[in-house]
PDB file of N, CA and C in Angstrom:
ATOM      1  N   MET A   1      17.835 -10.705  -2.634  1.00  0.00           N
ATOM      2  CA  MET A   1      17.283  -9.672  -3.499  1.00  0.00           C
ATOM      3  C   MET A   1      17.862  -9.777  -4.898  1.00  0.00           C
ATOM      4  N   ALA A   2      19.118 -10.104  -5.010  1.00  0.00           N
ATOM      5  CA  ALA A   2      19.764 -10.189  -6.317  1.00  0.00           C
ATOM      6  C   ALA A   2      19.084 -11.221  -7.215  1.00  0.00           C
ATOM      7  N   GLN A   3      18.503 -12.243  -6.621  1.00  0.00           N
ATOM      8  CA  GLN A   3      17.859 -13.301  -7.411  1.00  0.00           C
ATOM      9  C   GLN A   3      16.608 -12.821  -8.127  1.00  0.00           C
ATOM     10  N   ILE A   4      15.928 -11.832  -7.584  1.00  0.00           N
ATOM     11  CA  ILE A   4      14.695 -11.372  -8.240  1.00  0.00           C
ATOM     12  C   ILE A   4      14.852 -10.028  -8.938  1.00  0.00           C
ATOM     13  N   THR A   5      16.010  -9.406  -8.814  1.00  0.00           N
ATOM     14  CA  THR A   5      16.243  -8.128  -9.493  1.00  0.00           C
ATOM     15  C   THR A   5      16.340  -8.361 -10.992  1.00  0.00           C
ATOM     16  N   GLU A   6      15.587  -7.571 -11.745  1.00  0.00           N
ATOM     17  CA  GLU A   6      15.575  -7.683 -13.201  1.00  0.00           C
ATOM     18  C   GLU A   6      16.745  -6.900 -13.795  1.00  0.00           C
ATOM     19  N   PRO A   7      17.137  -7.234 -15.019  1.00  0.00           N
ATOM     20  CA  PRO A   7      18.219  -6.489 -15.664  1.00  0.00           C
ATOM     21  C   PRO A   7      17.908  -4.988 -15.712  1.00  0.00           C
ATOM     22  N   ASP A   8      18.867  -4.183 -15.353  1.00  0.00           N
ATOM     23  CA  ASP A   8      18.771  -2.721 -15.371  1.00  0.00           C
ATOM     24  C   ASP A   8      17.709  -2.157 -14.425  1.00  0.00           C
ATOM     25  N   GLU A   9      17.230  -2.949 -13.485  1.00  0.00           N
ATOM     26  CA  GLU A   9      16.244  -2.454 -12.520  1.00  0.00           C
ATOM     27  C   GLU A   9      16.969  -1.683 -11.425  1.00  0.00           C
ATOM     28  N   GLY A  10      16.410  -0.551 -11.083  1.00  0.00           N
ATOM     29  CA  GLY A  10      16.978   0.250 -10.008  1.00  0.00           C
ATOM     30  C   GLY A  10      16.011   0.353  -8.852  1.00  0.00           C
ATOM     31  N   PHE A  11      16.485   0.048  -7.656  1.00  0.00           N
ATOM     32  CA  PHE A  11      15.646   0.188  -6.464  1.00  0.00           C
ATOM     33  C   PHE A  11      15.853   1.575  -5.875  1.00  0.00           C
ATOM     34  N   ILE A  12      14.745   2.222  -5.545  1.00  0.00           N
ATOM     35  CA  ILE A  12      14.739   3.619  -5.157  1.00  0.00           C
ATOM     36  C   ILE A  12      14.681   3.786  -3.649  1.00  0.00           C
ATOM     37  N   VAL A  13      13.776   3.038  -3.011  1.00  0.00           N
ATOM     38  CA  VAL A  13      13.569   3.217  -1.582  1.00  0.00           C
ATOM     39  C   VAL A  13      13.066   1.927  -0.951  1.00  0.00           C
ATOM     40  N   LYS A  14      13.425   1.745   0.304  1.00  0.00           N
ATOM     41  CA  LYS A  14      12.931   0.627   1.116  1.00  0.00           C
ATOM     42  C   LYS A  14      12.094   1.225   2.233  1.00  0.00           C
ATOM     43  N   VAL A  15      10.876   0.690   2.401  1.00  0.00           N
ATOM     44  CA  VAL A  15       9.994   1.128   3.479  1.00  0.00           C
ATOM     45  C   VAL A  15       9.827  -0.048   4.430  1.00  0.00           C
ATOM     46  N   SER A  16      10.280   0.130   5.659  1.00  0.00           N
ATOM     47  CA  SER A  16      10.096  -0.910   6.668  1.00  0.00           C
ATOM     48  C   SER A  16       8.680  -0.812   7.207  1.00  0.00           C
ATOM     49  N   ALA A  17       7.966  -1.912   7.146  1.00  0.00           N
ATOM     50  CA  ALA A  17       6.580  -1.941   7.609  1.00  0.00           C
ATOM     51  C   ALA A  17       6.554  -2.596   8.987  1.00  0.00           C
ATOM     52  N   PHE A  18       5.924  -3.731   9.077  1.00  0.00           N
ATOM     53  CA  PHE A  18       5.887  -4.453  10.333  1.00  0.00           C
ATOM     54  C   PHE A  18       7.300  -4.921  10.661  1.00  0.00           C
ATOM     55  N   PRO A  19       7.541  -5.414  11.868  1.00  0.00           N
ATOM     56  CA  PRO A  19       8.909  -5.793  12.238  1.00  0.00           C
ATOM     57  C   PRO A  19       9.604  -6.732  11.246  1.00  0.00           C
ATOM     58  N   ASP A  20       8.871  -7.530  10.533  1.00  0.00           N
ATOM     59  CA  ASP A  20       9.508  -8.502   9.644  1.00  0.00           C
ATOM     60  C   ASP A  20       9.099  -8.352   8.179  1.00  0.00           C
ATOM     61  N   ILE A  21       8.594  -7.170   7.815  1.00  0.00           N
ATOM     62  CA  ILE A  21       8.164  -6.926   6.431  1.00  0.00           C
ATOM     63  C   ILE A  21       8.751  -5.598   5.952  1.00  0.00           C
ATOM     64  N   ALA A  22       9.205  -5.578   4.707  1.00  0.00           N
ATOM     65  CA  ALA A  22       9.669  -4.335   4.084  1.00  0.00           C
ATOM     66  C   ALA A  22       9.175  -4.299   2.646  1.00  0.00           C
ATOM     67  N   TYR A  23       8.883  -3.108   2.176  1.00  0.00           N
ATOM     68  CA  TYR A  23       8.486  -2.905   0.790  1.00  0.00           C
ATOM     69  C   TYR A  23       9.634  -2.197   0.085  1.00  0.00           C
ATOM     70  N   TRP A  24      10.083  -2.761  -1.025  1.00  0.00           N
ATOM     71  CA  TRP A  24      11.145  -2.179  -1.838  1.00  0.00           C
ATOM     72  C   TRP A  24      10.512  -1.608  -3.104  1.00  0.00           C
ATOM     73  N   PHE A  25      10.671  -0.317  -3.326  1.00  0.00           N
ATOM     74  CA  PHE A  25      10.129   0.357  -4.503  1.00  0.00           C
ATOM     75  C   PHE A  25      11.252   0.471  -5.525  1.00  0.00           C
ATOM     76  N   SER A  26      11.019  -0.082  -6.712  1.00  0.00           N
ATOM     77  CA  SER A  26      12.006   0.033  -7.779  1.00  0.00           C
ATOM     78  C   SER A  26      11.493   1.018  -8.819  1.00  0.00           C
ATOM     79  N   ASP A  27      12.164   1.067  -9.941  1.00  0.00           N
ATOM     80  CA  ASP A  27      11.720   1.946 -11.014  1.00  0.00           C
ATOM     81  C   ASP A  27      10.566   1.357 -11.812  1.00  0.00           C
ATOM     82  N   ARG A  28      10.101   0.148 -11.436  1.00  0.00           N
ATOM     83  CA  ARG A  28       9.004  -0.477 -12.183  1.00  0.00           C
ATOM     84  C   ARG A  28       8.010  -1.291 -11.366  1.00  0.00           C
ATOM     85  N   ARG A  29       8.322  -1.549 -10.074  1.00  0.00           N
ATOM     86  CA  ARG A  29       7.448  -2.413  -9.285  1.00  0.00           C
ATOM     87  C   ARG A  29       7.741  -2.266  -7.796  1.00  0.00           C
ATOM     88  N   VAL A  30       6.856  -2.889  -6.993  1.00  0.00           N
ATOM     89  CA  VAL A  30       7.078  -2.995  -5.554  1.00  0.00           C
ATOM     90  C   VAL A  30       7.354  -4.461  -5.252  1.00  0.00           C
ATOM     91  N   VAL A  31       8.421  -4.688  -4.509  1.00  0.00           N
ATOM     92  CA  VAL A  31       8.795  -6.026  -4.063  1.00  0.00           C
ATOM     93  C   VAL A  31       8.626  -6.048  -2.548  1.00  0.00           C
ATOM     94  N   VAL A  32       8.032  -7.118  -2.030  1.00  0.00           N
ATOM     95  CA  VAL A  32       7.859  -7.244  -0.587  1.00  0.00           C
ATOM     96  C   VAL A  32       8.893  -8.225  -0.049  1.00  0.00           C
ATOM     97  N   GLN A  33       9.511  -7.838   1.051  1.00  0.00           N
ATOM     98  CA  GLN A  33      10.477  -8.698   1.740  1.00  0.00           C
ATOM     99  C   GLN A  33       9.811  -9.235   2.994  1.00  0.00           C
ATOM    100  N   VAL A  34       9.726 -10.542   3.082  1.00  0.00           N
ATOM    101  CA  VAL A  34       9.167 -11.230   4.244  1.00  0.00           C
ATOM    102  C   VAL A  34      10.253 -12.151   4.798  1.00  0.00           C
ATOM    103  N   PRO A  35      10.043 -12.729   5.966  1.00  0.00           N
ATOM    104  CA  PRO A  35      11.116 -13.544   6.557  1.00  0.00           C
ATOM    105  C   PRO A  35      11.672 -14.648   5.649  1.00  0.00           C
ATOM    106  N   HIS A  36      10.852 -15.203   4.777  1.00  0.00           N
ATOM    107  CA  HIS A  36      11.324 -16.306   3.934  1.00  0.00           C
ATOM    108  C   HIS A  36      11.818 -15.871   2.553  1.00  0.00           C
ATOM    109  N   GLY A  37      11.899 -14.564   2.300  1.00  0.00           N
ATOM    110  CA  GLY A  37      12.435 -14.128   1.020  1.00  0.00           C
ATOM    111  C   GLY A  37      11.768 -12.894   0.456  1.00  0.00           C
ATOM    112  N   PHE A  38      11.913 -12.725  -0.858  1.00  0.00           N
ATOM    113  CA  PHE A  38      11.396 -11.575  -1.592  1.00  0.00           C
ATOM    114  C   PHE A  38      10.384 -12.042  -2.633  1.00  0.00           C
ATOM    115  N   ASN A  39       9.317 -11.254  -2.809  1.00  0.00           N
ATOM    116  CA  ASN A  39       8.310 -11.562  -3.826  1.00  0.00           C
ATOM    117  C   ASN A  39       7.850 -10.268  -4.479  1.00  0.00           C
ATOM    118  N   GLU A  40       7.589 -10.348  -5.773  1.00  0.00           N
ATOM    119  CA  GLU A  40       7.002  -9.184  -6.445  1.00  0.00           C
ATOM    120  C   GLU A  40       5.594  -8.997  -5.905  1.00  0.00           C
ATOM    121  N   LEU A  41       5.285  -7.785  -5.489  1.00  0.00           N
ATOM    122  CA  LEU A  41       3.956  -7.482  -4.997  1.00  0.00           C
ATOM    123  C   LEU A  41       3.083  -6.932  -6.117  1.00  0.00           C
ATOM    124  N   ILE A  42       3.600  -5.938  -6.840  1.00  0.00           N
ATOM    125  CA  ILE A  42       2.818  -5.346  -7.924  1.00  0.00           C
ATOM    126  C   ILE A  42       3.732  -4.554  -8.859  1.00  0.00           C
ATOM    127  N   ARG A  43       3.371  -4.575 -10.135  1.00  0.00           N
ATOM    128  CA  ARG A  43       4.029  -3.733 -11.136  1.00  0.00           C
ATOM    129  C   ARG A  43       3.222  -2.444 -11.253  1.00  0.00           C
ATOM    130  N   TYR A  44       3.923  -1.354 -11.370  1.00  0.00           N
ATOM    131  CA  TYR A  44       3.240  -0.066 -11.462  1.00  0.00           C
ATOM    132  C   TYR A  44       2.273  -0.020 -12.641  1.00  0.00           C
ATOM    133  N   SER A  45       2.639  -0.676 -13.721  1.00  0.00           N
ATOM    134  CA  SER A  45       1.786  -0.664 -14.915  1.00  0.00           C
ATOM    135  C   SER A  45       0.445  -1.356 -14.686  1.00  0.00           C
ATOM    136  N   ALA A  46       0.335  -2.166 -13.655  1.00  0.00           N
ATOM    137  CA  ALA A  46      -0.918  -2.883 -13.373  1.00  0.00           C
ATOM    138  C   ALA A  46      -1.888  -2.070 -12.523  1.00  0.00           C
ATOM    139  N   ILE A  47      -1.415  -0.996 -11.921  1.00  0.00           N
ATOM    140  CA  ILE A  47      -2.247  -0.221 -10.996  1.00  0.00           C
ATOM    141  C   ILE A  47      -3.212   0.666 -11.769  1.00  0.00           C
ATOM    142  N   THR A  48      -4.491   0.547 -11.447  1.00  0.00           N
ATOM    143  CA  THR A  48      -5.497   1.397 -12.075  1.00  0.00           C
ATOM    144  C   THR A  48      -5.947   2.529 -11.156  1.00  0.00           C
ATOM    145  N   ARG A  49      -5.935   2.276  -9.827  1.00  0.00           N
ATOM    146  CA  ARG A  49      -6.312   3.303  -8.846  1.00  0.00           C
ATOM    147  C   ARG A  49      -5.638   2.997  -7.525  1.00  0.00           C
ATOM    148  N   ALA A  50      -5.390   4.034  -6.754  1.00  0.00           N
ATOM    149  CA  ALA A  50      -4.820   3.892  -5.419  1.00  0.00           C
ATOM    150  C   ALA A  50      -5.758   4.563  -4.420  1.00  0.00           C
ATOM    151  N   HIS A  51      -5.934   3.912  -3.275  1.00  0.00           N
ATOM    152  CA  HIS A  51      -6.846   4.430  -2.247  1.00  0.00           C
ATOM    153  C   HIS A  51      -6.163   4.471  -0.893  1.00  0.00           C
ATOM    154  N   TRP A  52      -6.417   5.552  -0.159  1.00  0.00           N
ATOM    155  CA  TRP A  52      -5.968   5.617   1.217  1.00  0.00           C
ATOM    156  C   TRP A  52      -6.882   4.730   2.051  1.00  0.00           C
ATOM    157  N   MET A  53      -6.357   3.816   2.744  1.00  0.00           N
ATOM    158  CA  MET A  53      -7.022   2.847   3.609  1.00  0.00           C
ATOM    159  C   MET A  53      -7.838   1.827   2.814  1.00  0.00           C
ATOM    160  N   PHE A  54      -8.977   2.242   2.253  1.00  0.00           N
ATOM    161  CA  PHE A  54      -9.875   1.310   1.563  1.00  0.00           C
ATOM    162  C   PHE A  54     -10.504   1.995   0.344  1.00  0.00           C
ATOM    163  N   GLY A  55     -10.791   1.219  -0.664  1.00  0.00           N
ATOM    164  CA  GLY A  55     -11.484   1.745  -1.826  1.00  0.00           C
ATOM    165  C   GLY A  55     -12.889   2.219  -1.481  1.00  0.00           C
ATOM    166  N   ASP A  56     -13.493   1.570  -0.497  1.00  0.00           N
ATOM    167  CA  ASP A  56     -14.842   1.929  -0.061  1.00  0.00           C
ATOM    168  C   ASP A  56     -14.816   2.662   1.281  1.00  0.00           C
ATOM    169  N   LEU A  57     -13.803   3.493   1.479  1.00  0.00           N
ATOM    170  CA  LEU A  57     -13.614   4.177   2.762  1.00  0.00           C
ATOM    171  C   LEU A  57     -14.835   4.991   3.168  1.00  0.00           C
ATOM    172  N   ARG A  58     -15.407   5.718   2.246  1.00  0.00           N
ATOM    173  CA  ARG A  58     -16.568   6.549   2.584  1.00  0.00           C
ATOM    174  C   ARG A  58     -17.707   5.697   3.147  1.00  0.00           C
ATOM    175  N   ASP A  59     -17.980   4.557   2.526  1.00  0.00           N
ATOM    176  CA  ASP A  59     -19.032   3.667   3.016  1.00  0.00           C
ATOM    177  C   ASP A  59     -18.695   3.135   4.407  1.00  0.00           C
ATOM    178  N   ARG A  60     -17.446   2.761   4.615  1.00  0.00           N
ATOM    179  CA  ARG A  60     -17.022   2.238   5.918  1.00  0.00           C
ATOM    180  C   ARG A  60     -17.160   3.297   7.008  1.00  0.00           C
ATOM    181  N   LEU A  61     -16.772   4.531   6.684  1.00  0.00           N
ATOM    182  CA  LEU A  61     -16.875   5.600   7.676  1.00  0.00           C
ATOM    183  C   LEU A  61     -18.329   5.937   7.984  1.00  0.00           C
ATOM    184  N   THR A  62     -19.172   5.926   6.960  1.00  0.00           N
ATOM    185  CA  THR A  62     -20.599   6.181   7.171  1.00  0.00           C
ATOM    186  C   THR A  62     -21.198   5.108   8.065  1.00  0.00           C
ATOM    187  N   GLU A  63     -20.880   3.857   7.786  1.00  0.00           N
ATOM    188  CA  GLU A  63     -21.377   2.741   8.593  1.00  0.00           C
ATOM    189  C   GLU A  63     -20.869   2.841  10.035  1.00  0.00           C
ATOM    190  N   ALA A  64     -19.601   3.177  10.213  1.00  0.00           N
ATOM    191  CA  ALA A  64     -19.028   3.303  11.552  1.00  0.00           C
ATOM    192  C   ALA A  64     -19.694   4.436  12.323  1.00  0.00           C
ATOM    193  N   ALA A  65     -19.982   5.540  11.623  1.00  0.00           N
ATOM    194  CA  ALA A  65     -20.640   6.674  12.267  1.00  0.00           C
ATOM    195  C   ALA A  65     -22.051   6.305  12.709  1.00  0.00           C
ATOM    196  N   GLU A  66     -22.745   5.538  11.880  1.00  0.00           N
ATOM    197  CA  GLU A  66     -24.103   5.115  12.231  1.00  0.00           C
ATOM    198  C   GLU A  66     -24.099   4.149  13.419  1.00  0.00           C
ATOM    199  N   ARG A  67     -23.057   3.307  13.482  1.00  0.00           N
ATOM    200  CA  ARG A  67     -22.949   2.328  14.571  1.00  0.00           C
ATOM    201  C   ARG A  67     -22.533   2.960  15.888  1.00  0.00           C
ATOM    202  N   SER A  68     -21.458   3.755  15.835  1.00  0.00           N
ATOM    203  CA  SER A  68     -20.912   4.240  17.102  1.00  0.00           C
ATOM    204  C   SER A  68     -20.383   5.676  17.023  1.00  0.00           C
ATOM    205  N   GLY A  69     -20.920   6.441  16.106  1.00  0.00           N
ATOM    206  CA  GLY A  69     -20.561   7.851  16.022  1.00  0.00           C
ATOM    207  C   GLY A  69     -19.101   8.084  15.701  1.00  0.00           C
ATOM    208  N   GLY A  70     -18.594   9.198  16.213  1.00  0.00           N
ATOM    209  CA  GLY A  70     -17.212   9.586  15.949  1.00  0.00           C
ATOM    210  C   GLY A  70     -16.197   8.581  16.448  1.00  0.00           C
ATOM    211  N   GLU A  71     -16.552   7.839  17.486  1.00  0.00           N
ATOM    212  CA  GLU A  71     -15.625   6.838  18.019  1.00  0.00           C
ATOM    213  C   GLU A  71     -15.338   5.747  16.995  1.00  0.00           C
ATOM    214  N   GLY A  72     -16.351   5.308  16.261  1.00  0.00           N
ATOM    215  CA  GLY A  72     -16.161   4.285  15.232  1.00  0.00           C
ATOM    216  C   GLY A  72     -15.287   4.771  14.100  1.00  0.00           C
ATOM    217  N   ILE A  73     -15.484   6.021  13.701  1.00  0.00           N
ATOM    218  CA  ILE A  73     -14.662   6.610  12.647  1.00  0.00           C
ATOM    219  C   ILE A  73     -13.216   6.695  13.117  1.00  0.00           C
ATOM    220  N   SER A  74     -13.040   7.155  14.333  1.00  0.00           N
ATOM    221  CA  SER A  74     -11.701   7.276  14.903  1.00  0.00           C
ATOM    222  C   SER A  74     -10.989   5.932  14.978  1.00  0.00           C
ATOM    223  N   GLN A  75     -11.719   4.895  15.328  1.00  0.00           N
ATOM    224  CA  GLN A  75     -11.132   3.554  15.423  1.00  0.00           C
ATOM    225  C   GLN A  75     -10.641   3.065  14.064  1.00  0.00           C
ATOM    226  N   ILE A  76     -11.434   3.292  13.014  1.00  0.00           N
ATOM    227  CA  ILE A  76     -11.024   2.880  11.665  1.00  0.00           C
ATOM    228  C   ILE A  76      -9.766   3.622  11.246  1.00  0.00           C
ATOM    229  N   LYS A  77      -9.758   4.929  11.440  1.00  0.00           N
ATOM    230  CA  LYS A  77      -8.601   5.725  11.036  1.00  0.00           C
ATOM    231  C   LYS A  77      -7.356   5.355  11.837  1.00  0.00           C
ATOM    232  N   GLN A  78      -7.524   5.123  13.121  1.00  0.00           N
ATOM    233  CA  GLN A  78      -6.380   4.770  13.960  1.00  0.00           C
ATOM    234  C   GLN A  78      -5.815   3.405  13.573  1.00  0.00           C
ATOM    235  N   ALA A  79      -6.680   2.453  13.268  1.00  0.00           N
ATOM    236  CA  ALA A  79      -6.237   1.095  12.953  1.00  0.00           C
ATOM    237  C   ALA A  79      -5.661   0.965  11.545  1.00  0.00           C
ATOM    238  N   HIS A  80      -6.109   1.822  10.609  1.00  0.00           N
ATOM    239  CA  HIS A  80      -5.747   1.618   9.204  1.00  0.00           C
ATOM    240  C   HIS A  80      -5.143   2.837   8.515  1.00  0.00           C
ATOM    241  N   PHE A  81      -4.711   3.842   9.285  1.00  0.00           N
ATOM    242  CA  PHE A  81      -4.236   5.083   8.672  1.00  0.00           C
ATOM    243  C   PHE A  81      -3.070   4.870   7.709  1.00  0.00           C
ATOM    244  N   ASP A  82      -2.292   3.817   7.930  1.00  0.00           N
ATOM    245  CA  ASP A  82      -1.090   3.596   7.110  1.00  0.00           C
ATOM    246  C   ASP A  82      -1.263   2.435   6.132  1.00  0.00           C
ATOM    247  N   ARG A  83      -2.468   2.306   5.614  1.00  0.00           N
ATOM    248  CA  ARG A  83      -2.824   1.232   4.682  1.00  0.00           C
ATOM    249  C   ARG A  83      -3.174   1.848   3.327  1.00  0.00           C
ATOM    250  N   ILE A  84      -2.703   1.226   2.259  1.00  0.00           N
ATOM    251  CA  ILE A  84      -3.025   1.665   0.900  1.00  0.00           C
ATOM    252  C   ILE A  84      -3.559   0.471   0.129  1.00  0.00           C
ATOM    253  N   GLU A  85      -4.679   0.670  -0.546  1.00  0.00           N
ATOM    254  CA  GLU A  85      -5.225  -0.339  -1.455  1.00  0.00           C
ATOM    255  C   GLU A  85      -4.927   0.088  -2.880  1.00  0.00           C
ATOM    256  N   LEU A  86      -4.383  -0.844  -3.649  1.00  0.00           N
ATOM    257  CA  LEU A  86      -4.097  -0.594  -5.056  1.00  0.00           C
ATOM    258  C   LEU A  86      -5.011  -1.467  -5.895  1.00  0.00           C
ATOM    259  N   GLU A  87      -5.807  -0.835  -6.731  1.00  0.00           N
ATOM    260  CA  GLU A  87      -6.690  -1.580  -7.629  1.00  0.00           C
ATOM    261  C   GLU A  87      -5.934  -1.957  -8.889  1.00  0.00           C
ATOM    262  N   THR A  88      -6.200  -3.176  -9.350  1.00  0.00           N
ATOM    263  CA  THR A  88      -5.699  -3.649 -10.643  1.00  0.00           C
ATOM    264  C   THR A  88      -6.882  -4.264 -11.373  1.00  0.00           C
ATOM    265  N   ASP A  89      -6.698  -4.603 -12.631  1.00  0.00           N
ATOM    266  CA  ASP A  89      -7.766  -5.284 -13.360  1.00  0.00           C
ATOM    267  C   ASP A  89      -8.062  -6.649 -12.759  1.00  0.00           C
ATOM    268  N   GLY A  90      -7.090  -7.224 -12.055  1.00  0.00           N
ATOM    269  CA  GLY A  90      -7.249  -8.555 -11.482  1.00  0.00           C
ATOM    270  C   GLY A  90      -7.659  -8.590 -10.026  1.00  0.00           C
ATOM    271  N   GLY A  91      -7.763  -7.434  -9.373  1.00  0.00           N
ATOM    272  CA  GLY A  91      -8.140  -7.417  -7.966  1.00  0.00           C
ATOM    273  C   GLY A  91      -7.463  -6.295  -7.214  1.00  0.00           C
ATOM    274  N   ILE A  92      -7.293  -6.506  -5.913  1.00  0.00           N
ATOM    275  CA  ILE A  92      -6.746  -5.485  -5.036  1.00  0.00           C
ATOM    276  C   ILE A  92      -5.462  -5.994  -4.394  1.00  0.00           C
ATOM    277  N   VAL A  93      -4.478  -5.108  -4.322  1.00  0.00           N
ATOM    278  CA  VAL A  93      -3.216  -5.388  -3.638  1.00  0.00           C
ATOM    279  C   VAL A  93      -3.121  -4.394  -2.487  1.00  0.00           C
ATOM    280  N   VAL A  94      -2.739  -4.872  -1.320  1.00  0.00           N
ATOM    281  CA  VAL A  94      -2.719  -4.039  -0.117  1.00  0.00           C
ATOM    282  C   VAL A  94      -1.303  -3.896   0.423  1.00  0.00           C
ATOM    283  N   LEU A  95      -0.949  -2.667   0.764  1.00  0.00           N
ATOM    284  CA  LEU A  95       0.282  -2.381   1.494  1.00  0.00           C
ATOM    285  C   LEU A  95      -0.161  -1.904   2.870  1.00  0.00           C
ATOM    286  N   GLU A  96       0.326  -2.560   3.908  1.00  0.00           N
ATOM    287  CA  GLU A  96      -0.061  -2.209   5.274  1.00  0.00           C
ATOM    288  C   GLU A  96       1.166  -1.951   6.124  1.00  0.00           C
ATOM    289  N   GLY A  97       0.963  -1.236   7.222  1.00  0.00           N
ATOM    290  CA  GLY A  97       2.051  -0.995   8.151  1.00  0.00           C
ATOM    291  C   GLY A  97       3.088  -0.022   7.638  1.00  0.00           C
ATOM    292  N   LEU A  98       2.681   0.887   6.777  1.00  0.00           N
ATOM    293  CA  LEU A  98       3.619   1.826   6.169  1.00  0.00           C
ATOM    294  C   LEU A  98       4.057   2.943   7.109  1.00  0.00           C
ATOM    295  N   GLY A  99       3.388   3.089   8.232  1.00  0.00           N
ATOM    296  CA  GLY A  99       3.702   4.209   9.116  1.00  0.00           C
ATOM    297  C   GLY A  99       3.494   5.517   8.370  1.00  0.00           C
ATOM    298  N   GLN A 100       4.281   6.523   8.706  1.00  0.00           N
ATOM    299  CA  GLN A 100       4.141   7.823   8.054  1.00  0.00           C
ATOM    300  C   GLN A 100       4.556   7.804   6.584  1.00  0.00           C
ATOM    301  N   SER A 101       5.139   6.708   6.127  1.00  0.00           N
ATOM    302  CA  SER A 101       5.511   6.580   4.712  1.00  0.00           C
ATOM    303  C   SER A 101       4.294   6.443   3.809  1.00  0.00           C
ATOM    304  N   TYR A 102       3.111   6.245   4.396  1.00  0.00           N
ATOM    305  CA  TYR A 102       1.921   6.102   3.562  1.00  0.00           C
ATOM    306  C   TYR A 102       1.673   7.368   2.745  1.00  0.00           C
ATOM    307  N   VAL A 103       2.023   8.537   3.278  1.00  0.00           N
ATOM    308  CA  VAL A 103       1.745   9.793   2.573  1.00  0.00           C
ATOM    309  C   VAL A 103       2.542   9.888   1.270  1.00  0.00           C
ATOM    310  N   PRO A 104       3.880   9.786   1.313  1.00  0.00           N
ATOM    311  CA  PRO A 104       4.598   9.861   0.031  1.00  0.00           C
ATOM    312  C   PRO A 104       4.290   8.686  -0.888  1.00  0.00           C
ATOM    313  N   ALA A 105       4.022   7.506  -0.319  1.00  0.00           N
ATOM    314  CA  ALA A 105       3.687   6.347  -1.157  1.00  0.00           C
ATOM    315  C   ALA A 105       2.374   6.592  -1.890  1.00  0.00           C
ATOM    316  N   LEU A 106       1.376   7.105  -1.190  1.00  0.00           N
ATOM    317  CA  LEU A 106       0.079   7.381  -1.818  1.00  0.00           C
ATOM    318  C   LEU A 106       0.214   8.462  -2.893  1.00  0.00           C
ATOM    319  N   LYS A 107       1.002   9.476  -2.619  1.00  0.00           N
ATOM    320  CA  LYS A 107       1.237  10.526  -3.624  1.00  0.00           C
ATOM    321  C   LYS A 107       1.943   9.948  -4.845  1.00  0.00           C
ATOM    322  N   PHE A 108       2.894   9.055  -4.603  1.00  0.00           N
ATOM    323  CA  PHE A 108       3.614   8.417  -5.700  1.00  0.00           C
ATOM    324  C   PHE A 108       2.657   7.607  -6.574  1.00  0.00           C
ATOM    325  N   PHE A 109       1.812   6.792  -5.952  1.00  0.00           N
ATOM    326  CA  PHE A 109       0.867   5.982  -6.724  1.00  0.00           C
ATOM    327  C   PHE A 109      -0.132   6.874  -7.465  1.00  0.00           C
ATOM    328  N   GLY A 110      -0.537   7.965  -6.848  1.00  0.00           N
ATOM    329  CA  GLY A 110      -1.412   8.921  -7.529  1.00  0.00           C
ATOM    330  C   GLY A 110      -0.731   9.551  -8.724  1.00  0.00           C
ATOM    331  N   TRP A 111       0.547   9.884  -8.581  1.00  0.00           N
ATOM    332  CA  TRP A 111       1.320  10.456  -9.687  1.00  0.00           C
ATOM    333  C   TRP A 111       1.437   9.463 -10.835  1.00  0.00           C
ATOM    334  N   LEU A 112       1.615   8.182 -10.503  1.00  0.00           N
ATOM    335  CA  LEU A 112       1.713   7.162 -11.561  1.00  0.00           C
ATOM    336  C   LEU A 112       0.452   7.092 -12.410  1.00  0.00           C
ATOM    337  N   ASN A 113      -0.684   7.366 -11.800  1.00  0.00           N
ATOM    338  CA  ASN A 113      -1.963   7.183 -12.486  1.00  0.00           C
ATOM    339  C   ASN A 113      -2.585   8.467 -13.017  1.00  0.00           C
ATOM    340  N   ARG A 114      -1.794   9.530 -13.136  1.00  0.00           N
ATOM    341  CA  ARG A 114      -2.384  10.760 -13.690  1.00  0.00           C
ATOM    342  C   ARG A 114      -2.560  10.640 -15.172  1.00  0.00           C
TER     343      ARG A 114
END
């Protein structure tokens, strides 16, 4: 971690995701820890919008309801409840496996973009 820490950067919280993945939130970016090391995932300044699960969630839920009713909607929510999509000018960055940490993380990203 010391190799990628920027001068005067402060890390605030670590969120353990899947068994071998963690997200480190600093005062300026999110760094992902994977088995082979650390990589910058996204800078807060690059985020234009944050979405719970998917940017097109409403369309996905409508399609699931048409296909298999409430069961399809339930399956999407159960499989992806702890997923956040972050929009940037260059594309989408996804944080998955956040567990119950998705709630404060989503609120944080929303606060950044007010």
